[in-house]
Amino acid sequence: MKEIKNDKTFEKKIRIYQTDRLDELNDFYQKHKSNYKNINEFFVSLIFSGLEREKLFDENTSQYFYQSQDMQTNLADIQKRVSVISQSNFNSYKDLLALLYQNQTLLIRIYKALFKLSENEQLNQKFFDIGIYDDLPDEFDSVKDKINDILDVELGSSLKNLS
């Protein structure tokens, strides 16, 4: 394309081959004809409006590029934080389960010790420490099942969504 001379006036022919676009231009000009002295002023206005729009697009494109890089960085930070929180929650859950099983074992041992004492049997601490008395009493399995049924009813779908 030739350079545009910076004279007082500039003339250039524009060829438009798409008839539907020509119809659009003509319709738009007819609709807004009263705003312009002539069709030349109309086209000049369109050209400069388009130029301003293209300049904005150019500026916004580079801003968008930098913003999208920032968004990618932010997304990576968010993913890292979610991962850390998730791992922390998982570790807390493991610690809670370990504590739960420790308490359950301790309570079972105390439960069995009380019955042994009530039957005047001698307690052997080594047996307790090595876990001989760690089995849940048979009736406790049914209690656990009942508690699970109650929790399923009370908490309903919120528990199912966690799995």
C-alpha atoms as a PDB file:
ATOM      1  CA  MET A   1       0.000   0.000   0.000  1.00  0.00           C
ATOM      2  CA  LYS A   2       1.243   3.436  -0.846  1.00  0.00           C
ATOM      3  CA  GLU A   3       1.939   5.884   1.919  1.00  0.00           C
ATOM      4  CA  ILE A   4      -0.698   8.509   2.560  1.00  0.00           C
ATOM      5  CA  LYS A   5       0.596  11.974   1.709  1.00  0.00           C
ATOM      6  CA  ASN A   6       0.075  14.652   4.278  1.00  0.00           C
ATOM      7  CA  ASP A   7      -1.298  17.241   1.826  1.00  0.00           C
ATOM      8  CA  LYS A   8      -4.338  19.385   2.447  1.00  0.00           C
ATOM      9  CA  THR A   9      -6.582  16.881   0.716  1.00  0.00           C
ATOM     10  CA  PHE A  10      -6.284  13.209   0.055  1.00  0.00           C
ATOM     11  CA  GLU A  11      -8.222  11.301  -2.554  1.00  0.00           C
ATOM     12  CA  LYS A  12      -8.415   7.565  -2.782  1.00  0.00           C
ATOM     13  CA  LYS A  13     -10.796   5.243  -4.558  1.00  0.00           C
ATOM     14  CA  ILE A  14     -12.413   2.524  -2.500  1.00  0.00           C
ATOM     15  CA  ARG A  15     -13.722  -0.555  -4.227  1.00  0.00           C
ATOM     16  CA  ILE A  16     -16.340  -2.563  -2.404  1.00  0.00           C
ATOM     17  CA  TYR A  17     -17.328  -5.776  -4.132  1.00  0.00           C
ATOM     18  CA  GLN A  18     -19.738  -7.219  -1.555  1.00  0.00           C
ATOM     19  CA  THR A  19     -23.146  -5.954  -2.570  1.00  0.00           C
ATOM     20  CA  ASP A  20     -24.721  -6.784   0.779  1.00  0.00           C
ATOM     21  CA  ARG A  21     -22.124  -4.584   2.501  1.00  0.00           C
ATOM     22  CA  LEU A  22     -22.799  -1.818  -0.021  1.00  0.00           C
ATOM     23  CA  ASP A  23     -26.499  -2.096   0.782  1.00  0.00           C
ATOM     24  CA  GLU A  24     -25.648  -1.816   4.481  1.00  0.00           C
ATOM     25  CA  LEU A  25     -23.594   1.316   3.862  1.00  0.00           C
ATOM     26  CA  ASN A  26     -26.309   2.847   1.716  1.00  0.00           C
ATOM     27  CA  ASP A  27     -29.045   2.052   4.265  1.00  0.00           C
ATOM     28  CA  PHE A  28     -26.952   3.485   7.085  1.00  0.00           C
ATOM     29  CA  TYR A  29     -26.188   6.610   5.091  1.00  0.00           C
ATOM     30  CA  GLN A  30     -29.871   7.093   4.185  1.00  0.00           C
ATOM     31  CA  LYS A  31     -30.807   6.692   7.861  1.00  0.00           C
ATOM     32  CA  HIS A  32     -28.201   9.238   9.080  1.00  0.00           C
ATOM     33  CA  LYS A  33     -27.968  11.445   6.003  1.00  0.00           C
ATOM     34  CA  SER A  34     -29.135  14.524   7.896  1.00  0.00           C
ATOM     35  CA  ASN A  35     -26.039  14.365  10.143  1.00  0.00           C
ATOM     36  CA  TYR A  36     -23.625  14.847   7.233  1.00  0.00           C
ATOM     37  CA  LYS A  37     -23.151  17.522   4.549  1.00  0.00           C
ATOM     38  CA  ASN A  38     -22.520  14.871   1.907  1.00  0.00           C
ATOM     39  CA  ILE A  39     -21.559  11.235   1.387  1.00  0.00           C
ATOM     40  CA  ASN A  40     -17.868  12.106   1.476  1.00  0.00           C
ATOM     41  CA  GLU A  41     -18.188  13.473   5.024  1.00  0.00           C
ATOM     42  CA  PHE A  42     -20.111  10.302   5.937  1.00  0.00           C
ATOM     43  CA  PHE A  43     -17.298   8.040   4.634  1.00  0.00           C
ATOM     44  CA  VAL A  44     -14.586  10.129   6.284  1.00  0.00           C
ATOM     45  CA  SER A  45     -16.483   9.870   9.577  1.00  0.00           C
ATOM     46  CA  LEU A  46     -16.770   6.093   9.162  1.00  0.00           C
ATOM     47  CA  ILE A  47     -13.087   5.742   8.367  1.00  0.00           C
ATOM     48  CA  PHE A  48     -11.986   7.730  11.422  1.00  0.00           C
ATOM     49  CA  SER A  49     -14.494   5.988  13.689  1.00  0.00           C
ATOM     50  CA  GLY A  50     -13.123   2.683  12.447  1.00  0.00           C
ATOM     51  CA  LEU A  51      -9.583   3.911  12.972  1.00  0.00           C
ATOM     52  CA  GLU A  52     -10.365   4.871  16.597  1.00  0.00           C
ATOM     53  CA  ARG A  53     -11.988   1.490  17.154  1.00  0.00           C
ATOM     54  CA  GLU A  54      -8.956  -0.319  15.726  1.00  0.00           C
ATOM     55  CA  LYS A  55      -6.600   1.733  17.920  1.00  0.00           C
ATOM     56  CA  LEU A  56      -8.650   0.804  21.003  1.00  0.00           C
ATOM     57  CA  PHE A  57      -8.661  -2.825  19.925  1.00  0.00           C
ATOM     58  CA  ASP A  58      -4.884  -2.662  19.516  1.00  0.00           C
ATOM     59  CA  GLU A  59      -4.421  -1.207  23.014  1.00  0.00           C
ATOM     60  CA  ASN A  60      -6.978  -3.540  24.595  1.00  0.00           C
ATOM     61  CA  THR A  61      -5.392  -6.562  22.954  1.00  0.00           C
ATOM     62  CA  SER A  62      -2.057  -5.905  24.615  1.00  0.00           C
ATOM     63  CA  GLN A  63      -3.795  -5.118  27.924  1.00  0.00           C
ATOM     64  CA  TYR A  64      -5.827  -8.296  27.580  1.00  0.00           C
ATOM     65  CA  PHE A  65      -2.660 -10.274  26.930  1.00  0.00           C
ATOM     66  CA  TYR A  66      -1.039  -8.939  30.102  1.00  0.00           C
ATOM     67  CA  GLN A  67      -4.261  -9.404  32.092  1.00  0.00           C
ATOM     68  CA  SER A  68      -4.589 -12.972  30.857  1.00  0.00           C
ATOM     69  CA  GLN A  69      -1.019 -13.651  31.957  1.00  0.00           C
ATOM     70  CA  ASP A  70      -1.920 -12.215  35.369  1.00  0.00           C
ATOM     71  CA  MET A  71      -5.046 -14.384  35.397  1.00  0.00           C
ATOM     72  CA  GLN A  72      -2.959 -17.468  34.605  1.00  0.00           C
ATOM     73  CA  THR A  73      -0.585 -16.581  37.433  1.00  0.00           C
ATOM     74  CA  ASN A  74      -3.532 -16.022  39.768  1.00  0.00           C
ATOM     75  CA  LEU A  75      -5.093 -19.301  38.677  1.00  0.00           C
ATOM     76  CA  ALA A  76      -1.823 -21.128  39.351  1.00  0.00           C
ATOM     77  CA  ASP A  77      -1.654 -19.490  42.815  1.00  0.00           C
ATOM     78  CA  ILE A  78      -5.253 -20.466  43.539  1.00  0.00           C
ATOM     79  CA  GLN A  79      -4.606 -24.046  42.439  1.00  0.00           C
ATOM     80  CA  LYS A  80      -1.515 -24.188  44.652  1.00  0.00           C
ATOM     81  CA  ARG A  81      -3.458 -22.832  47.648  1.00  0.00           C
ATOM     82  CA  VAL A  82      -6.353 -25.237  47.071  1.00  0.00           C
ATOM     83  CA  SER A  83      -3.835 -28.065  46.924  1.00  0.00           C
ATOM     84  CA  VAL A  84      -2.219 -26.960  50.205  1.00  0.00           C
ATOM     85  CA  ILE A  85      -5.625 -26.587  51.884  1.00  0.00           C
ATOM     86  CA  SER A  86      -6.740 -29.943  50.524  1.00  0.00           C
ATOM     87  CA  GLN A  87      -3.594 -31.643  51.799  1.00  0.00           C
ATOM     88  CA  SER A  88      -3.984 -29.920  55.167  1.00  0.00           C
ATOM     89  CA  ASN A  89      -7.611 -31.052  55.405  1.00  0.00           C
ATOM     90  CA  PHE A  90      -6.599 -34.579  54.431  1.00  0.00           C
ATOM     91  CA  ASN A  91      -3.895 -34.600  57.115  1.00  0.00           C
ATOM     92  CA  SER A  92      -6.390 -33.272  59.683  1.00  0.00           C
ATOM     93  CA  TYR A  93      -8.865 -35.958  58.649  1.00  0.00           C
ATOM     94  CA  LYS A  94      -6.186 -38.648  59.052  1.00  0.00           C
ATOM     95  CA  ASP A  95      -5.232 -37.268  62.474  1.00  0.00           C
ATOM     96  CA  LEU A  96      -8.891 -37.193  63.495  1.00  0.00           C
ATOM     97  CA  LEU A  97      -9.406 -40.804  62.386  1.00  0.00           C
ATOM     98  CA  ALA A  98      -6.261 -41.896  64.234  1.00  0.00           C
ATOM     99  CA  LEU A  99      -7.507 -40.150  67.370  1.00  0.00           C
ATOM    100  CA  LEU A 100     -10.936 -41.741  66.927  1.00  0.00           C
ATOM    101  CA  TYR A 101      -9.428 -45.234  66.695  1.00  0.00           C
ATOM    102  CA  GLN A 102      -7.162 -44.567  69.675  1.00  0.00           C
ATOM    103  CA  ASN A 103     -10.155 -43.456  71.735  1.00  0.00           C
ATOM    104  CA  GLN A 104     -12.202 -46.424  70.564  1.00  0.00           C
ATOM    105  CA  THR A 105      -9.398 -48.823  71.530  1.00  0.00           C
ATOM    106  CA  LEU A 106      -8.944 -47.157  74.904  1.00  0.00           C
ATOM    107  CA  LEU A 107     -12.678 -47.235  75.621  1.00  0.00           C
ATOM    108  CA  ILE A 108     -12.931 -50.905  74.648  1.00  0.00           C
ATOM    109  CA  ARG A 109     -10.028 -51.729  76.972  1.00  0.00           C
ATOM    110  CA  ILE A 110     -11.636 -49.776  79.828  1.00  0.00           C
ATOM    111  CA  TYR A 111     -15.002 -51.451  79.110  1.00  0.00           C
ATOM    112  CA  LYS A 112     -13.452 -54.927  79.212  1.00  0.00           C
ATOM    113  CA  ALA A 113     -11.383 -54.076  82.314  1.00  0.00           C
ATOM    114  CA  LEU A 114     -14.527 -52.996  84.159  1.00  0.00           C
ATOM    115  CA  PHE A 115     -16.251 -56.300  83.366  1.00  0.00           C
ATOM    116  CA  LYS A 116     -13.199 -58.297  84.382  1.00  0.00           C
ATOM    117  CA  LEU A 117     -13.036 -56.375  87.665  1.00  0.00           C
ATOM    118  CA  SER A 118     -16.769 -56.872  88.249  1.00  0.00           C
ATOM    119  CA  GLU A 119     -16.251 -60.624  87.797  1.00  0.00           C
ATOM    120  CA  ASN A 120     -13.293 -60.489  90.202  1.00  0.00           C
ATOM    121  CA  GLU A 121     -10.855 -61.577  87.492  1.00  0.00           C
ATOM    122  CA  GLN A 122      -7.237 -60.555  87.700  1.00  0.00           C
ATOM    123  CA  LEU A 123      -6.178 -57.916  85.176  1.00  0.00           C
ATOM    124  CA  ASN A 124      -2.975 -58.442  83.284  1.00  0.00           C
ATOM    125  CA  GLN A 125      -1.670 -55.140  81.947  1.00  0.00           C
ATOM    126  CA  LYS A 126       0.458 -56.888  79.293  1.00  0.00           C
ATOM    127  CA  PHE A 127      -2.705 -58.416  77.773  1.00  0.00           C
ATOM    128  CA  PHE A 128      -4.273 -54.979  77.563  1.00  0.00           C
ATOM    129  CA  ASP A 129      -1.155 -53.361  76.156  1.00  0.00           C
ATOM    130  CA  ILE A 130      -0.644 -55.934  73.394  1.00  0.00           C
ATOM    131  CA  GLY A 131      -4.303 -55.703  72.322  1.00  0.00           C
ATOM    132  CA  ILE A 132      -5.795 -59.028  73.387  1.00  0.00           C
ATOM    133  CA  TYR A 133      -8.882 -57.175  74.642  1.00  0.00           C
ATOM    134  CA  ASP A 134      -9.208 -54.789  71.701  1.00  0.00           C
ATOM    135  CA  ASP A 135     -12.096 -56.536  69.943  1.00  0.00           C
ATOM    136  CA  LEU A 136     -15.396 -54.726  69.899  1.00  0.00           C
ATOM    137  CA  PRO A 137     -18.100 -56.502  71.853  1.00  0.00           C
ATOM    138  CA  ASP A 138     -20.540 -58.243  69.456  1.00  0.00           C
ATOM    139  CA  GLU A 139     -23.465 -55.963  70.293  1.00  0.00           C
ATOM    140  CA  PHE A 140     -21.418 -52.885  69.382  1.00  0.00           C
ATOM    141  CA  ASP A 141     -21.545 -53.719  65.660  1.00  0.00           C
ATOM    142  CA  SER A 142     -25.333 -53.355  65.697  1.00  0.00           C
ATOM    143  CA  VAL A 143     -25.014 -50.049  67.604  1.00  0.00           C
ATOM    144  CA  LYS A 144     -22.604 -48.791  64.939  1.00  0.00           C
ATOM    145  CA  ASP A 145     -25.060 -49.809  62.186  1.00  0.00           C
ATOM    146  CA  LYS A 146     -27.917 -47.988  63.956  1.00  0.00           C
ATOM    147  CA  ILE A 147     -25.817 -44.822  64.305  1.00  0.00           C
ATOM    148  CA  ASN A 148     -24.915 -44.974  60.602  1.00  0.00           C
ATOM    149  CA  ASP A 149     -28.619 -45.334  59.699  1.00  0.00           C
ATOM    150  CA  ILE A 150     -29.504 -42.314  61.867  1.00  0.00           C
ATOM    151  CA  LEU A 151     -26.724 -40.247  60.292  1.00  0.00           C
ATOM    152  CA  ASP A 152     -27.860 -41.238  56.792  1.00  0.00           C
ATOM    153  CA  VAL A 153     -31.379 -40.014  57.580  1.00  0.00           C
ATOM    154  CA  GLU A 154     -30.303 -36.809  59.363  1.00  0.00           C
ATOM    155  CA  LEU A 155     -27.539 -35.788  56.988  1.00  0.00           C
ATOM    156  CA  GLY A 156     -29.046 -37.354  53.879  1.00  0.00           C
ATOM    157  CA  SER A 157     -27.620 -36.370  50.546  1.00  0.00           C
ATOM    158  CA  SER A 158     -24.921 -34.116  52.016  1.00  0.00           C
ATOM    159  CA  LEU A 159     -23.016 -37.238  53.076  1.00  0.00           C
ATOM    160  CA  LYS A 160     -23.512 -38.876  49.691  1.00  0.00           C
ATOM    161  CA  ASN A 161     -22.165 -35.770  47.938  1.00  0.00           C
ATOM    162  CA  LEU A 162     -18.938 -36.046  49.900  1.00  0.00           C
ATOM    163  CA  SER A 163     -18.158 -39.459  48.489  1.00  0.00           C
END
